[in-house]
Structures are given as structure tokens and as C-alpha cells.
Amino acid sequence: MDFDAVYKEMFKPVYAYLLLRVQDENLAQDLASKTWQKVFDKQNSYDPLKGNLRQWLFTIARNEVNSFFRLYYVRKVLSLSAFEDDFKSKEENPETAAEQKELEEKLKQAMGKLKSNYRDILALKFYSGMSNGEIAQMLKISESNAGTIINRAVNKLRILLEAENVA
């Protein structure tokens, strides 16, 4: 595997997936760093017989996000201060908010209202460019089930956006 070529081609989709999942730029950057470090460290263990490179990369990224959330919730439960700042803090900049930026923000907010599994599958489908078959294989579900979940998630997202008068 040519790590440099893979990194140049896949950094943006992996980062977009992470950003969509955590909705915090700094956290997404940290998780991207951890993801690419693991990819670099484990590049010799990639086995194309187990799935394509895109699936392997997004599995690593997905595992990093899931690991973060597990640790976050453990720390929150065990923390002396249950009122720590939420990692999903959002910055709004009304001076530079163009129409497209406003639409992106509404989409981001609507995505944040979706169940975690819906956010995950939409990120895999639309931000990573994975096919339903690749997603199904990665999530260990049938391809038709993946398609059904994607359809339900899109419909729920559409309802949320229509409630905001966006769609």
C-alpha cells in the first residue's frame, strides 16, 4: 500500500465522516490524527480479501469514534463534575453566515437530532462514498437491510429539515 497516495486521496472523505459523527472540528481533527496513525501503523495488516481499502479505512475511523464515545461516557459517569462542557459545542458566526453556510448548519443540526446509527450510516453512505454493499459488509448486516436503514434515515432527516423549512 502506498500510504502517501492513500492519505492524499482519502483524507478529506475520512475527515468529513469524522466531523459529521462528532460535530466538532477540533475533536474531528484529533480523531483523524489517531485514525491515520493507526492506518500507518497497521498498513501491512491490510488484507484486500477481507474488504476493499475504503472499507478498511472507514472501519478504523468508525472504531476511533466509537472508542471516543465509550471513553467519553465512562469519564462523564465517573467524573466528579457531571456538568462538564459538552464536546459538541457549536460556534456560530452570524457575520460570515452566507445562505449556504446557514443551510449546512441546519443540516448539521438535523443530523445531530438523528439517532446515532442513522448518523453513522448516512455518513458512511454520503460522506465516505461507500456503496450499500460495502456498508452492509462493514456493519455485518444484509445489503437490503443497509438500504432500508439508509432510506429510513434519509426520510427522518427530510422530516427534520422540513420542520426547519429547509427542504
Protein backbone atom coordinates (compact mmCIF):
# COMPACT_ATOMS: atom_id res chain seq x y z
CA MET A 1 0.00 0.00 0.00
CA ASP A 2 1.27 3.45 -0.90
CA PHE A 3 0.37 5.30 2.30
CA ASP A 4 1.04 8.78 0.87
CA ALA A 5 -1.25 8.19 -2.10
CA VAL A 6 -4.00 6.73 0.10
CA TYR A 7 -3.69 9.64 2.53
CA LYS A 8 -3.90 12.25 -0.24
CA GLU A 9 -6.92 10.58 -1.82
CA MET A 10 -8.83 9.64 1.32
CA PHE A 11 -8.05 12.27 3.95
CA LYS A 12 -10.97 14.56 3.07
CA PRO A 13 -13.64 11.83 3.00
CA VAL A 14 -12.38 10.32 6.27
CA TYR A 15 -12.25 13.73 7.92
CA ALA A 16 -15.75 14.60 6.64
CA TYR A 17 -17.06 11.35 8.07
CA LEU A 18 -15.45 12.03 11.46
CA LEU A 19 -16.69 15.62 11.52
CA LEU A 20 -20.21 14.53 10.74
CA ARG A 21 -20.12 11.93 13.50
CA VAL A 22 -18.73 14.17 16.28
CA GLN A 23 -19.81 17.60 15.01
CA ASP A 24 -16.75 19.33 16.48
CA GLU A 25 -13.84 20.40 14.27
CA ASN A 26 -11.12 20.06 16.93
CA LEU A 27 -12.32 16.65 18.00
CA ALA A 28 -12.63 15.52 14.37
CA GLN A 29 -9.04 16.63 13.77
CA ASP A 30 -7.86 14.66 16.81
CA LEU A 31 -9.74 11.57 15.71
CA ALA A 32 -8.44 11.95 12.15
CA SER A 33 -4.90 12.08 13.52
CA LYS A 34 -5.47 8.91 15.54
CA THR A 35 -7.14 7.21 12.58
CA TRP A 36 -4.29 7.96 10.18
CA GLN A 37 -1.70 6.95 12.77
CA LYS A 38 -3.42 3.57 13.06
CA VAL A 39 -3.63 3.25 9.29
CA PHE A 40 0.09 3.96 9.05
CA ASP A 41 0.96 1.56 11.87
CA LYS A 42 -1.25 -1.23 10.53
CA GLN A 43 -0.81 -0.72 6.79
CA ASN A 44 0.94 -4.08 6.46
CA SER A 45 -2.02 -5.86 8.04
CA TYR A 46 -4.49 -4.67 5.39
CA ASP A 47 -5.97 -7.71 3.66
CA PRO A 48 -7.87 -6.99 0.42
CA LEU A 49 -9.60 -10.37 0.74
CA LYS A 50 -11.48 -9.07 3.78
CA GLY A 51 -12.75 -5.93 2.05
CA ASN A 52 -11.61 -3.04 -0.06
CA LEU A 53 -9.30 -0.29 1.17
CA ARG A 54 -12.12 2.21 1.60
CA GLN A 55 -13.97 -0.20 3.92
CA TRP A 56 -10.80 -0.82 5.92
CA LEU A 57 -10.13 2.91 6.35
CA PHE A 58 -13.67 3.75 7.41
CA THR A 59 -13.76 0.80 9.79
CA ILE A 60 -10.71 2.24 11.54
CA ALA A 61 -12.27 5.74 11.59
CA ARG A 62 -15.56 4.35 12.88
CA ASN A 63 -13.77 2.41 15.61
CA GLU A 64 -11.96 5.59 16.69
CA VAL A 65 -15.27 7.45 17.00
CA ASN A 66 -16.90 4.60 18.88
CA SER A 67 -13.92 4.32 21.20
CA PHE A 68 -14.06 8.05 21.89
CA PHE A 69 -17.76 7.92 22.74
CA ARG A 70 -17.28 4.91 25.03
CA LEU A 71 -14.47 6.70 26.90
CA TYR A 72 -16.38 9.98 26.96
CA TYR A 73 -19.41 8.40 28.59
CA VAL A 74 -17.29 6.45 31.07
CA ARG A 75 -15.45 9.66 32.04
CA LYS A 76 -18.74 11.52 32.33
CA VAL A 77 -20.27 8.88 34.58
CA LEU A 78 -17.16 8.58 36.74
CA SER A 79 -16.42 12.29 36.78
CA LEU A 80 -16.88 14.29 39.97
CA SER A 81 -18.35 17.05 37.84
CA ALA A 82 -21.27 15.75 35.83
CA PHE A 83 -21.67 19.16 34.22
CA GLU A 84 -18.54 19.22 32.07
CA ASP A 85 -18.66 21.20 28.86
CA ASP A 86 -20.35 19.26 26.12
CA PHE A 87 -17.90 18.16 23.40
CA LYS A 88 -20.44 19.08 20.75
CA SER A 89 -20.17 22.80 21.38
CA LYS A 90 -21.04 24.74 18.29
CA GLU A 91 -19.69 28.08 17.22
CA GLU A 92 -21.94 30.35 15.26
CA ASN A 93 -20.57 33.27 13.30
CA PRO A 94 -23.51 35.39 12.07
CA GLU A 95 -21.23 37.90 10.29
CA THR A 96 -19.94 35.32 7.83
CA ALA A 97 -23.04 33.14 7.60
CA ALA A 98 -23.94 33.00 3.93
CA GLU A 99 -27.02 31.18 2.70
CA GLN A 100 -25.00 28.01 2.02
CA LYS A 101 -23.40 28.15 5.45
CA GLU A 102 -26.82 28.51 7.05
CA LEU A 103 -28.11 25.52 5.12
CA GLU A 104 -25.07 23.48 6.15
CA GLU A 105 -25.65 24.45 9.78
CA LYS A 106 -29.30 23.39 9.61
CA LEU A 107 -28.24 20.10 8.03
CA LYS A 108 -25.65 19.62 10.76
CA GLN A 109 -28.23 20.34 13.45
CA ALA A 110 -30.73 17.98 11.86
CA MET A 111 -28.05 15.29 11.65
CA GLY A 112 -27.36 15.86 15.35
CA LYS A 113 -31.00 15.07 16.11
CA LEU A 114 -30.83 11.71 14.36
CA LYS A 115 -30.18 8.50 16.23
CA SER A 116 -26.51 7.54 16.31
CA ASN A 117 -26.95 4.58 13.95
CA TYR A 118 -28.72 6.82 11.41
CA ARG A 119 -25.93 9.43 11.58
CA ASP A 120 -23.36 6.69 11.18
CA ILE A 121 -24.95 5.05 8.15
CA LEU A 122 -25.63 8.39 6.42
CA ALA A 123 -22.03 9.44 6.99
CA LEU A 124 -20.81 6.17 5.53
CA LYS A 125 -23.12 6.47 2.53
CA PHE A 126 -22.84 10.13 1.61
CA TYR A 127 -19.53 11.31 3.07
CA SER A 128 -17.38 8.25 2.55
CA GLY A 129 -18.90 7.30 -0.80
CA MET A 130 -19.37 3.67 0.22
CA SER A 131 -21.92 1.51 -1.57
CA ASN A 132 -24.77 -0.20 0.26
CA GLY A 133 -22.94 -3.49 -0.15
CA GLU A 134 -19.76 -2.12 1.38
CA ILE A 135 -21.71 -0.60 4.26
CA ALA A 136 -23.57 -3.85 4.82
CA GLN A 137 -20.35 -5.82 4.90
CA MET A 138 -18.76 -3.34 7.29
CA LEU A 139 -21.76 -3.29 9.66
CA LYS A 140 -22.33 -7.03 9.29
CA ILE A 141 -25.90 -6.65 8.06
CA SER A 142 -27.60 -7.61 4.79
CA GLU A 143 -27.37 -5.24 1.85
CA SER A 144 -31.16 -4.86 1.77
CA ASN A 145 -31.16 -4.02 5.49
CA ALA A 146 -28.48 -1.38 4.87
CA GLY A 147 -30.62 0.11 2.10
CA THR A 148 -33.68 0.12 4.34
CA ILE A 149 -31.82 1.84 7.18
CA ILE A 150 -30.39 4.42 4.76
CA ASN A 151 -33.87 5.10 3.38
CA ARG A 152 -35.35 5.49 6.87
CA ALA A 153 -32.50 7.78 7.92
CA VAL A 154 -32.91 9.96 4.82
CA ASN A 155 -36.67 10.17 5.39
CA LYS A 156 -36.18 11.13 9.04
CA LEU A 157 -33.59 13.75 8.01
CA ARG A 158 -36.01 15.12 5.41
CA ILE A 159 -38.74 15.44 8.06
CA LEU A 160 -36.35 17.27 10.40
CA LEU A 161 -35.27 19.66 7.64
CA GLU A 162 -38.86 20.31 6.54
CA ALA A 163 -39.69 21.22 10.14
CA GLU A 164 -36.97 23.86 9.80
CA ASN A 165 -38.42 24.97 6.43
CA VAL A 166 -35.21 23.99 4.64
CA ALA A 167 -36.20 21.25 2.22
